[in-house]
Amino acid sequence: MSALPLALRPRRAGVQLFMVALCVYFLIPLWWLVASSTKKGDELFSKPGLWFSSPGSFATNLRGLWGRDHHIYLHWLGNSVLYAVGGGVGATVIATLAGYAFAKFSFPGRRAMFAVLLGLIMVPSTALVIPTYLLLSKVQLTDTVWAVILPSLLNPFGVYLVRVYVQDSVPDELLEAARMDGAGEIRTFLRVVLPVMRPALVTVLLFSMVATWNNFFLPLVMLSNDKLFPLTVGLQTWYESATIQSGDSSLFSLVVTGALVAIVPLIIAFLFLQRYWRSGLTLGSIK
């Protein structure tokens, strides 16, 4: 391999330094969260910083986290899993069907409907929370799990992503060959299209699950029963209690430890599903 020209070496070093600085910038909050979870409540304020306190304090915080308020954190964790999986899988199914239809079928109003879809991508989800609450209150679905799952099924960006991916990765000749072999539309979709769409489906699933897992405003408005709270709203109630009860500094440690535990399922989901991304990178390289 030829050596890099001297004129390009400073530029390459600058780019690498910039990327390292970005990595440090994004990792500092996570590092602070891990380090702070090893501190007691009073140590969060008396010993601020980015270094650990003691492993024993982390174990104490975990025991307090599980046992606080009759193990309600486990209820919140289960609710978050239910909302994320139910909303994520449902949003992926709807986005897959809609994106495939937009990409490979012609029907009246397709362009107008797709233009509306693109417009919905620009609408902040928080702007739809109050109208959604008024709508669900009419059918008495507020303060139920459906009040969080049903709005999470709407994912315009997922429909757009699937449509673009199918249009570029699923040739019309492949569909025509399957139809000539006697396969119907449903069988063609299940046996031919879905295996090719796997990377797009995993991407939409992860985006939808992460968005639902991190959603705060929607469950805050929809739910009043603390047994139905997800982790985001539940930890906020603990934080508010800690600020009101100034003498209970240990509750701050539980909030920090709970926030650290809350990101572990997302990391596991990403590590488990990333292999499907890698398997899809070479789909178009072998004919």
C-alpha atoms as a PDB file:
ATOM      1  CA  MET A   1       0.000   0.000   0.000  1.00  0.00           C
ATOM      2  CA  SER A   2       1.253   3.457  -0.872  1.00  0.00           C
ATOM      3  CA  ALA A   3       1.921   5.899   1.907  1.00  0.00           C
ATOM      4  CA  LEU A   4      -0.579   8.674   2.518  1.00  0.00           C
ATOM      5  CA  PRO A   5       0.507  11.958   0.869  1.00  0.00           C
ATOM      6  CA  LEU A   6       2.021  14.447   3.272  1.00  0.00           C
ATOM      7  CA  ALA A   7      -0.588  17.073   2.382  1.00  0.00           C
ATOM      8  CA  LEU A   8      -3.421  14.781   3.510  1.00  0.00           C
ATOM      9  CA  ARG A   9      -1.905  13.620   6.799  1.00  0.00           C
ATOM     10  CA  PRO A  10      -2.814  16.745   8.867  1.00  0.00           C
ATOM     11  CA  ARG A  11      -6.355  16.637   7.488  1.00  0.00           C
ATOM     12  CA  ARG A  12      -6.728  12.958   8.364  1.00  0.00           C
ATOM     13  CA  ALA A  13      -5.350  13.558  11.850  1.00  0.00           C
ATOM     14  CA  GLY A  14      -7.806  16.419  12.333  1.00  0.00           C
ATOM     15  CA  VAL A  15     -10.730  14.249  11.289  1.00  0.00           C
ATOM     16  CA  GLN A  16      -9.663  11.484  13.652  1.00  0.00           C
ATOM     17  CA  LEU A  17      -9.244  13.953  16.509  1.00  0.00           C
ATOM     18  CA  PHE A  18     -12.690  15.374  15.819  1.00  0.00           C
ATOM     19  CA  MET A  19     -14.247  11.888  15.871  1.00  0.00           C
ATOM     20  CA  VAL A  20     -12.512  11.072  19.152  1.00  0.00           C
ATOM     21  CA  ALA A  21     -13.839  14.302  20.645  1.00  0.00           C
ATOM     22  CA  LEU A  22     -17.372  13.391  19.520  1.00  0.00           C
ATOM     23  CA  CYS A  23     -17.083   9.919  21.057  1.00  0.00           C
ATOM     24  CA  VAL A  24     -15.931  11.420  24.362  1.00  0.00           C
ATOM     25  CA  TYR A  25     -18.759  13.963  24.248  1.00  0.00           C
ATOM     26  CA  PHE A  26     -21.424  11.287  23.775  1.00  0.00           C
ATOM     27  CA  LEU A  27     -19.913   8.860  26.301  1.00  0.00           C
ATOM     28  CA  ILE A  28     -19.490  11.332  29.173  1.00  0.00           C
ATOM     29  CA  PRO A  29     -23.202  11.237  30.229  1.00  0.00           C
ATOM     30  CA  LEU A  30     -23.155   7.432  30.228  1.00  0.00           C
ATOM     31  CA  TRP A  31     -19.913   7.388  32.214  1.00  0.00           C
ATOM     32  CA  TRP A  32     -21.403   9.838  34.730  1.00  0.00           C
ATOM     33  CA  LEU A  33     -24.492   7.627  35.075  1.00  0.00           C
ATOM     34  CA  VAL A  34     -22.399   4.517  35.749  1.00  0.00           C
ATOM     35  CA  ALA A  35     -20.129   6.338  38.210  1.00  0.00           C
ATOM     36  CA  SER A  36     -23.007   8.033  40.042  1.00  0.00           C
ATOM     37  CA  SER A  37     -24.811   4.731  40.525  1.00  0.00           C
ATOM     38  CA  THR A  38     -21.991   3.689  42.889  1.00  0.00           C
ATOM     39  CA  LYS A  39     -22.646   6.634  45.232  1.00  0.00           C
ATOM     40  CA  LYS A  40     -25.025   7.116  48.100  1.00  0.00           C
ATOM     41  CA  GLY A  41     -27.579   9.903  48.059  1.00  0.00           C
ATOM     42  CA  ASP A  42     -25.489  12.427  49.983  1.00  0.00           C
ATOM     43  CA  GLU A  43     -22.367  11.554  47.982  1.00  0.00           C
ATOM     44  CA  LEU A  44     -24.060  12.640  44.743  1.00  0.00           C
ATOM     45  CA  PHE A  45     -23.812  16.214  45.966  1.00  0.00           C
ATOM     46  CA  SER A  46     -20.821  16.090  48.304  1.00  0.00           C
ATOM     47  CA  LYS A  47     -18.614  14.122  45.874  1.00  0.00           C
ATOM     48  CA  PRO A  48     -19.641  15.192  42.398  1.00  0.00           C
ATOM     49  CA  GLY A  49     -17.474  14.018  39.548  1.00  0.00           C
ATOM     50  CA  LEU A  50     -16.854  11.300  37.008  1.00  0.00           C
ATOM     51  CA  TRP A  51     -15.269   8.685  39.260  1.00  0.00           C
ATOM     52  CA  PHE A  52     -16.653   5.745  41.209  1.00  0.00           C
ATOM     53  CA  SER A  53     -17.350   5.688  44.917  1.00  0.00           C
ATOM     54  CA  SER A  54     -17.663   2.050  46.062  1.00  0.00           C
ATOM     55  CA  PRO A  55     -19.065  -1.184  44.593  1.00  0.00           C
ATOM     56  CA  GLY A  56     -20.929  -1.759  47.851  1.00  0.00           C
ATOM     57  CA  SER A  57     -22.965   1.394  47.339  1.00  0.00           C
ATOM     58  CA  PHE A  58     -24.031   0.141  43.923  1.00  0.00           C
ATOM     59  CA  ALA A  59     -25.298  -3.118  45.440  1.00  0.00           C
ATOM     60  CA  THR A  60     -27.115  -1.144  48.123  1.00  0.00           C
ATOM     61  CA  ASN A  61     -28.727   1.053  45.486  1.00  0.00           C
ATOM     62  CA  LEU A  62     -29.850  -1.998  43.527  1.00  0.00           C
ATOM     63  CA  ARG A  63     -31.438  -3.583  46.599  1.00  0.00           C
ATOM     64  CA  GLY A  64     -33.206  -0.338  47.386  1.00  0.00           C
ATOM     65  CA  LEU A  65     -34.320  -0.031  43.769  1.00  0.00           C
ATOM     66  CA  TRP A  66     -35.949  -3.471  43.713  1.00  0.00           C
ATOM     67  CA  GLY A  67     -37.578  -3.142  47.125  1.00  0.00           C
ATOM     68  CA  ARG A  68     -38.830   0.445  46.988  1.00  0.00           C
ATOM     69  CA  ASP A  69     -42.631   0.867  47.211  1.00  0.00           C
ATOM     70  CA  HIS A  70     -43.375  -2.871  47.130  1.00  0.00           C
ATOM     71  CA  HIS A  71     -41.176  -3.623  44.089  1.00  0.00           C
ATOM     72  CA  ILE A  72     -42.950  -1.066  41.920  1.00  0.00           C
ATOM     73  CA  TYR A  73     -39.831  -0.573  39.794  1.00  0.00           C
ATOM     74  CA  LEU A  74     -40.304  -4.102  38.456  1.00  0.00           C
ATOM     75  CA  HIS A  75     -43.867  -3.172  37.485  1.00  0.00           C
ATOM     76  CA  TRP A  76     -42.574  -0.128  35.637  1.00  0.00           C
ATOM     77  CA  LEU A  77     -39.909  -2.206  33.921  1.00  0.00           C
ATOM     78  CA  GLY A  78     -42.489  -4.761  32.799  1.00  0.00           C
ATOM     79  CA  ASN A  79     -44.766  -1.989  31.556  1.00  0.00           C
ATOM     80  CA  SER A  80     -41.948  -0.462  29.513  1.00  0.00           C
ATOM     81  CA  VAL A  81     -41.196  -3.852  27.961  1.00  0.00           C
ATOM     82  CA  LEU A  82     -44.885  -4.360  27.158  1.00  0.00           C
ATOM     83  CA  TYR A  83     -45.276  -0.920  25.598  1.00  0.00           C
ATOM     84  CA  ALA A  84     -42.002  -1.111  23.655  1.00  0.00           C
ATOM     85  CA  VAL A  85     -42.543  -4.626  22.300  1.00  0.00           C
ATOM     86  CA  GLY A  86     -46.255  -4.176  21.585  1.00  0.00           C
ATOM     87  CA  GLY A  87     -45.847  -0.759  20.007  1.00  0.00           C
ATOM     88  CA  GLY A  88     -42.618  -1.648  18.218  1.00  0.00           C
ATOM     89  CA  VAL A  89     -43.859  -4.893  16.670  1.00  0.00           C
ATOM     90  CA  GLY A  90     -47.210  -3.359  15.734  1.00  0.00           C
ATOM     91  CA  ALA A  91     -45.593  -0.284  14.194  1.00  0.00           C
ATOM     92  CA  THR A  92     -43.183  -2.500  12.242  1.00  0.00           C
ATOM     93  CA  VAL A  93     -45.996  -4.656  10.846  1.00  0.00           C
ATOM     94  CA  ILE A  94     -48.015  -1.613   9.764  1.00  0.00           C
ATOM     95  CA  ALA A  95     -44.963   0.152   8.317  1.00  0.00           C
ATOM     96  CA  THR A  96     -43.974  -2.994   6.411  1.00  0.00           C
ATOM     97  CA  LEU A  97     -47.365  -3.479   4.802  1.00  0.00           C
ATOM     98  CA  ALA A  98     -47.855   0.200   4.025  1.00  0.00           C
ATOM     99  CA  GLY A  99     -44.314   0.728   2.728  1.00  0.00           C
ATOM    100  CA  TYR A 100     -44.529  -2.319   0.470  1.00  0.00           C
ATOM    101  CA  ALA A 101     -47.881  -1.164  -0.902  1.00  0.00           C
ATOM    102  CA  PHE A 102     -46.543   2.336  -1.628  1.00  0.00           C
ATOM    103  CA  ALA A 103     -43.460   0.895  -3.342  1.00  0.00           C
ATOM    104  CA  LYS A 104     -44.916  -1.888  -5.509  1.00  0.00           C
ATOM    105  CA  PHE A 105     -48.621  -1.219  -6.089  1.00  0.00           C
ATOM    106  CA  SER A 106     -50.452   1.443  -8.029  1.00  0.00           C
ATOM    107  CA  PHE A 107     -53.752   2.658  -6.589  1.00  0.00           C
ATOM    108  CA  PRO A 108     -55.764   5.882  -6.739  1.00  0.00           C
ATOM    109  CA  GLY A 109     -54.398   8.630  -4.525  1.00  0.00           C
ATOM    110  CA  ARG A 110     -51.040   6.983  -3.905  1.00  0.00           C
ATOM    111  CA  ARG A 111     -49.003  10.127  -4.508  1.00  0.00           C
ATOM    112  CA  ALA A 112     -51.314  12.304  -2.445  1.00  0.00           C
ATOM    113  CA  MET A 113     -51.316   9.839   0.440  1.00  0.00           C
ATOM    114  CA  PHE A 114     -47.538   9.541   0.343  1.00  0.00           C
ATOM    115  CA  ALA A 115     -47.227  13.339   0.351  1.00  0.00           C
ATOM    116  CA  VAL A 116     -49.413  13.456   3.455  1.00  0.00           C
ATOM    117  CA  LEU A 117     -47.209  10.778   4.989  1.00  0.00           C
ATOM    118  CA  LEU A 118     -44.096  12.864   4.368  1.00  0.00           C
ATOM    119  CA  GLY A 119     -45.847  15.809   5.987  1.00  0.00           C
ATOM    120  CA  LEU A 120     -46.625  13.719   9.070  1.00  0.00           C
ATOM    121  CA  ILE A 121     -42.910  13.031   9.518  1.00  0.00           C
ATOM    122  CA  MET A 122     -42.411  16.755  10.155  1.00  0.00           C
ATOM    123  CA  VAL A 123     -45.112  16.908  12.858  1.00  0.00           C
ATOM    124  CA  PRO A 124     -43.670  16.527  16.390  1.00  0.00           C
ATOM    125  CA  SER A 125     -45.197  13.592  18.213  1.00  0.00           C
ATOM    126  CA  THR A 126     -45.769  15.735  21.305  1.00  0.00           C
ATOM    127  CA  ALA A 127     -48.106  17.966  19.300  1.00  0.00           C
ATOM    128  CA  LEU A 128     -50.458  15.009  18.789  1.00  0.00           C
ATOM    129  CA  VAL A 129     -50.630  13.904  22.421  1.00  0.00           C
ATOM    130  CA  ILE A 130     -53.493  16.170  23.533  1.00  0.00           C
ATOM    131  CA  PRO A 131     -55.701  15.441  20.476  1.00  0.00           C
ATOM    132  CA  THR A 132     -54.971  11.744  20.937  1.00  0.00           C
ATOM    133  CA  TYR A 133     -55.954  11.974  24.598  1.00  0.00           C
ATOM    134  CA  LEU A 134     -59.262  13.638  23.702  1.00  0.00           C
ATOM    135  CA  LEU A 135     -59.924  10.968  21.080  1.00  0.00           C
ATOM    136  CA  LEU A 136     -59.145   8.019  23.347  1.00  0.00           C
ATOM    137  CA  SER A 137     -61.094   9.527  26.218  1.00  0.00           C
ATOM    138  CA  LYS A 138     -64.221   9.370  24.056  1.00  0.00           C
ATOM    139  CA  VAL A 139     -63.872   5.586  23.811  1.00  0.00           C
ATOM    140  CA  GLN A 140     -62.738   5.234  27.444  1.00  0.00           C
ATOM    141  CA  LEU A 141     -59.259   3.920  26.659  1.00  0.00           C
ATOM    142  CA  THR A 142     -57.294   6.413  28.743  1.00  0.00           C
ATOM    143  CA  ASP A 143     -55.483   5.026  31.778  1.00  0.00           C
ATOM    144  CA  THR A 144     -55.098   1.668  30.047  1.00  0.00           C
ATOM    145  CA  VAL A 145     -52.181  -0.005  28.289  1.00  0.00           C
ATOM    146  CA  TRP A 146     -53.895   0.670  24.953  1.00  0.00           C
ATOM    147  CA  ALA A 147     -53.578   4.404  25.542  1.00  0.00           C
ATOM    148  CA  VAL A 148     -49.811   4.003  25.099  1.00  0.00           C
ATOM    149  CA  ILE A 149     -49.661   1.143  22.585  1.00  0.00           C
ATOM    150  CA  LEU A 150     -52.216   2.371  20.035  1.00  0.00           C
ATOM    151  CA  PRO A 151     -50.602   5.815  19.409  1.00  0.00           C
ATOM    152  CA  SER A 152     -47.211   4.094  19.179  1.00  0.00           C
ATOM    153  CA  LEU A 153     -48.396   2.126  16.143  1.00  0.00           C
ATOM    154  CA  LEU A 154     -48.192   5.289  14.025  1.00  0.00           C
ATOM    155  CA  ASN A 155     -44.705   5.523  12.546  1.00  0.00           C
ATOM    156  CA  PRO A 156     -44.645   7.610   9.337  1.00  0.00           C
ATOM    157  CA  PHE A 157     -40.854   7.542   9.149  1.00  0.00           C
ATOM    158  CA  GLY A 158     -40.928   3.749   9.314  1.00  0.00           C
ATOM    159  CA  VAL A 159     -43.341   3.620   6.368  1.00  0.00           C
ATOM    160  CA  TYR A 160     -41.089   5.954   4.403  1.00  0.00           C
ATOM    161  CA  LEU A 161     -37.985   3.916   5.252  1.00  0.00           C
ATOM    162  CA  VAL A 162     -39.602   0.624   4.186  1.00  0.00           C
ATOM    163  CA  ARG A 163     -40.917   2.176   0.988  1.00  0.00           C
ATOM    164  CA  VAL A 164     -37.488   3.476  -0.024  1.00  0.00           C
ATOM    165  CA  TYR A 165     -35.787   0.205   0.878  1.00  0.00           C
ATOM    166  CA  VAL A 166     -38.277  -1.967  -1.016  1.00  0.00           C
ATOM    167  CA  GLN A 167     -38.144   0.278  -4.060  1.00  0.00           C
ATOM    168  CA  ASP A 168     -34.357  -0.016  -4.240  1.00  0.00           C
ATOM    169  CA  SER A 169     -33.805  -3.609  -3.048  1.00  0.00           C
ATOM    170  CA  VAL A 170     -36.760  -5.603  -4.382  1.00  0.00           C
ATOM    171  CA  PRO A 171     -36.720  -5.576  -8.212  1.00  0.00           C
ATOM    172  CA  ASP A 172     -39.984  -5.926 -10.091  1.00  0.00           C
ATOM    173  CA  GLU A 173     -38.488  -8.830 -12.054  1.00  0.00           C
ATOM    174  CA  LEU A 174     -38.207 -10.835  -8.831  1.00  0.00           C
ATOM    175  CA  LEU A 175     -41.892 -10.351  -8.090  1.00  0.00           C
ATOM    176  CA  GLU A 176     -42.895 -11.186 -11.663  1.00  0.00           C
ATOM    177  CA  ALA A 177     -40.852 -14.396 -11.542  1.00  0.00           C
ATOM    178  CA  ALA A 178     -42.604 -15.456  -8.346  1.00  0.00           C
ATOM    179  CA  ARG A 179     -46.012 -14.719  -9.858  1.00  0.00           C
ATOM    180  CA  MET A 180     -45.180 -16.655 -13.010  1.00  0.00           C
ATOM    181  CA  ASP A 181     -44.303 -19.638 -10.812  1.00  0.00           C
ATOM    182  CA  GLY A 182     -47.855 -19.543  -9.459  1.00  0.00           C
ATOM    183  CA  ALA A 183     -47.271 -17.757  -6.166  1.00  0.00           C
ATOM    184  CA  GLY A 184     -50.041 -15.456  -5.000  1.00  0.00           C
ATOM    185  CA  GLU A 185     -49.508 -11.981  -3.593  1.00  0.00           C
ATOM    186  CA  ILE A 186     -49.464 -13.116   0.033  1.00  0.00           C
ATOM    187  CA  ARG A 187     -47.073 -15.996  -0.642  1.00  0.00           C
ATOM    188  CA  THR A 188     -44.828 -13.738  -2.731  1.00  0.00           C
ATOM    189  CA  PHE A 189     -44.726 -11.216   0.075  1.00  0.00           C
ATOM    190  CA  LEU A 190     -43.994 -13.787   2.784  1.00  0.00           C
ATOM    191  CA  ARG A 191     -41.528 -16.005   0.900  1.00  0.00           C
ATOM    192  CA  VAL A 192     -39.777 -13.560  -1.444  1.00  0.00           C
ATOM    193  CA  VAL A 193     -40.096 -10.002  -0.147  1.00  0.00           C
ATOM    194  CA  LEU A 194     -39.794 -10.403   3.620  1.00  0.00           C
ATOM    195  CA  PRO A 195     -36.361 -12.130   3.598  1.00  0.00           C
ATOM    196  CA  VAL A 196     -34.961  -9.309   1.480  1.00  0.00           C
ATOM    197  CA  MET A 197     -36.534  -6.671   3.745  1.00  0.00           C
ATOM    198  CA  ARG A 198     -34.979  -8.030   6.943  1.00  0.00           C
ATOM    199  CA  PRO A 199     -32.465  -5.168   7.499  1.00  0.00           C
ATOM    200  CA  ALA A 200     -35.187  -2.555   6.993  1.00  0.00           C
ATOM    201  CA  LEU A 201     -37.572  -4.387   9.328  1.00  0.00           C
ATOM    202  CA  VAL A 202     -34.950  -4.597  12.073  1.00  0.00           C
ATOM    203  CA  THR A 203     -34.190  -0.892  11.661  1.00  0.00           C
ATOM    204  CA  VAL A 204     -37.851   0.102  11.918  1.00  0.00           C
ATOM    205  CA  LEU A 205     -38.338  -2.254  14.870  1.00  0.00           C
ATOM    206  CA  LEU A 206     -35.418  -0.775  16.795  1.00  0.00           C
ATOM    207  CA  PHE A 207     -36.425   2.822  16.046  1.00  0.00           C
ATOM    208  CA  SER A 208     -40.007   2.117  17.115  1.00  0.00           C
ATOM    209  CA  MET A 209     -39.024   0.256  20.280  1.00  0.00           C
ATOM    210  CA  VAL A 210     -36.536   2.911  21.351  1.00  0.00           C
ATOM    211  CA  ALA A 211     -39.034   5.714  20.688  1.00  0.00           C
ATOM    212  CA  THR A 212     -41.721   3.951  22.722  1.00  0.00           C
ATOM    213  CA  TRP A 213     -39.296   3.003  25.504  1.00  0.00           C
ATOM    214  CA  ASN A 214     -38.101   6.600  25.873  1.00  0.00           C
ATOM    215  CA  ASN A 215     -41.537   8.179  25.442  1.00  0.00           C
ATOM    216  CA  PHE A 216     -42.399  10.378  28.394  1.00  0.00           C
ATOM    217  CA  PHE A 217     -45.078  12.907  27.519  1.00  0.00           C
ATOM    218  CA  LEU A 218     -47.589  10.439  26.060  1.00  0.00           C
ATOM    219  CA  PRO A 219     -47.808   8.108  29.100  1.00  0.00           C
ATOM    220  CA  LEU A 220     -47.621  11.109  31.418  1.00  0.00           C
ATOM    221  CA  VAL A 221     -50.828  12.479  29.895  1.00  0.00           C
ATOM    222  CA  MET A 222     -52.592   9.175  29.289  1.00  0.00           C
ATOM    223  CA  LEU A 223     -51.951   7.377  32.586  1.00  0.00           C
ATOM    224  CA  SER A 224     -52.875   8.193  36.167  1.00  0.00           C
ATOM    225  CA  ASN A 225     -52.489   4.734  37.718  1.00  0.00           C
ATOM    226  CA  ASP A 226     -48.909   4.368  38.940  1.00  0.00           C
ATOM    227  CA  LYS A 227     -49.104   0.597  38.326  1.00  0.00           C
ATOM    228  CA  LEU A 228     -49.293   1.338  34.589  1.00  0.00           C
ATOM    229  CA  PHE A 229     -46.419   3.833  34.478  1.00  0.00           C
ATOM    230  CA  PRO A 230     -43.404   3.077  32.288  1.00  0.00           C
ATOM    231  CA  LEU A 231     -39.917   3.679  33.628  1.00  0.00           C
ATOM    232  CA  THR A 232     -39.720   7.211  32.257  1.00  0.00           C
ATOM    233  CA  VAL A 233     -42.785   8.446  34.139  1.00  0.00           C
ATOM    234  CA  GLY A 234     -42.129   6.307  37.221  1.00  0.00           C
ATOM    235  CA  LEU A 235     -38.602   7.615  37.716  1.00  0.00           C
ATOM    236  CA  GLN A 236     -39.910  11.153  37.265  1.00  0.00           C
ATOM    237  CA  THR A 237     -42.370  10.646  40.118  1.00  0.00           C
ATOM    238  CA  TRP A 238     -39.513   9.452  42.330  1.00  0.00           C
ATOM    239  CA  TYR A 239     -37.454  12.488  41.358  1.00  0.00           C
ATOM    240  CA  GLU A 240     -40.314  14.813  42.227  1.00  0.00           C
ATOM    241  CA  SER A 241     -40.714  13.061  45.581  1.00  0.00           C
ATOM    242  CA  ALA A 242     -36.986  13.423  46.241  1.00  0.00           C
ATOM    243  CA  THR A 243     -37.085  17.165  45.542  1.00  0.00           C
ATOM    244  CA  ILE A 244     -40.096  17.604  47.839  1.00  0.00           C
ATOM    245  CA  GLN A 245     -38.726  15.389  50.604  1.00  0.00           C
ATOM    246  CA  SER A 246     -35.382  17.114  50.971  1.00  0.00           C
ATOM    247  CA  GLY A 247     -34.386  14.834  53.832  1.00  0.00           C
ATOM    248  CA  ASP A 248     -34.600  11.657  51.725  1.00  0.00           C
ATOM    249  CA  SER A 249     -31.425  11.975  49.659  1.00  0.00           C
ATOM    250  CA  SER A 250     -31.276   8.218  49.064  1.00  0.00           C
ATOM    251  CA  LEU A 251     -34.113   8.540  46.579  1.00  0.00           C
ATOM    252  CA  PHE A 252     -31.817  10.471  44.230  1.00  0.00           C
ATOM    253  CA  SER A 253     -29.472   7.485  44.146  1.00  0.00           C
ATOM    254  CA  LEU A 254     -32.373   5.194  43.287  1.00  0.00           C
ATOM    255  CA  VAL A 255     -33.371   7.481  40.403  1.00  0.00           C
ATOM    256  CA  VAL A 256     -29.825   7.434  39.011  1.00  0.00           C
ATOM    257  CA  THR A 257     -29.500   3.658  39.437  1.00  0.00           C
ATOM    258  CA  GLY A 258     -32.945   3.129  37.917  1.00  0.00           C
ATOM    259  CA  ALA A 259     -31.974   5.229  34.904  1.00  0.00           C
ATOM    260  CA  LEU A 260     -28.857   3.077  34.435  1.00  0.00           C
ATOM    261  CA  VAL A 261     -30.847  -0.164  34.642  1.00  0.00           C
ATOM    262  CA  ALA A 262     -33.398   1.268  32.207  1.00  0.00           C
ATOM    263  CA  ILE A 263     -30.891   1.487  29.353  1.00  0.00           C
ATOM    264  CA  VAL A 264     -29.651  -2.098  29.740  1.00  0.00           C
ATOM    265  CA  PRO A 265     -32.584  -3.684  27.815  1.00  0.00           C
ATOM    266  CA  LEU A 266     -32.003  -1.296  24.911  1.00  0.00           C
ATOM    267  CA  ILE A 267     -28.322  -2.251  24.758  1.00  0.00           C
ATOM    268  CA  ILE A 268     -29.233  -5.948  24.808  1.00  0.00           C
ATOM    269  CA  ALA A 269     -31.820  -5.469  22.049  1.00  0.00           C
ATOM    270  CA  PHE A 270     -29.308  -3.630  19.868  1.00  0.00           C
ATOM    271  CA  LEU A 271     -26.590  -6.237  20.367  1.00  0.00           C
ATOM    272  CA  PHE A 272     -29.027  -9.045  19.603  1.00  0.00           C
ATOM    273  CA  LEU A 273     -30.515  -7.469  16.472  1.00  0.00           C
ATOM    274  CA  GLN A 274     -27.375  -5.978  14.919  1.00  0.00           C
ATOM    275  CA  ARG A 275     -26.432  -9.329  13.357  1.00  0.00           C
ATOM    276  CA  TYR A 276     -29.473  -9.022  11.112  1.00  0.00           C
ATOM    277  CA  TRP A 277     -28.077  -5.713   9.873  1.00  0.00           C
ATOM    278  CA  ARG A 278     -24.760  -7.341   9.045  1.00  0.00           C
ATOM    279  CA  SER A 279     -26.478 -10.208   7.237  1.00  0.00           C
ATOM    280  CA  GLY A 280     -28.401  -7.749   5.110  1.00  0.00           C
ATOM    281  CA  LEU A 281     -25.389  -5.747   3.968  1.00  0.00           C
ATOM    282  CA  THR A 282     -24.402  -8.388   1.395  1.00  0.00           C
ATOM    283  CA  LEU A 283     -27.860  -9.215   0.061  1.00  0.00           C
ATOM    284  CA  GLY A 284     -27.258  -7.264  -3.129  1.00  0.00           C
ATOM    285  CA  SER A 285     -23.681  -8.433  -3.694  1.00  0.00           C
ATOM    286  CA  ILE A 286     -24.522 -12.033  -4.673  1.00  0.00           C
ATOM    287  CA  LYS A 287     -26.771 -12.774  -7.619  1.00  0.00           C
END
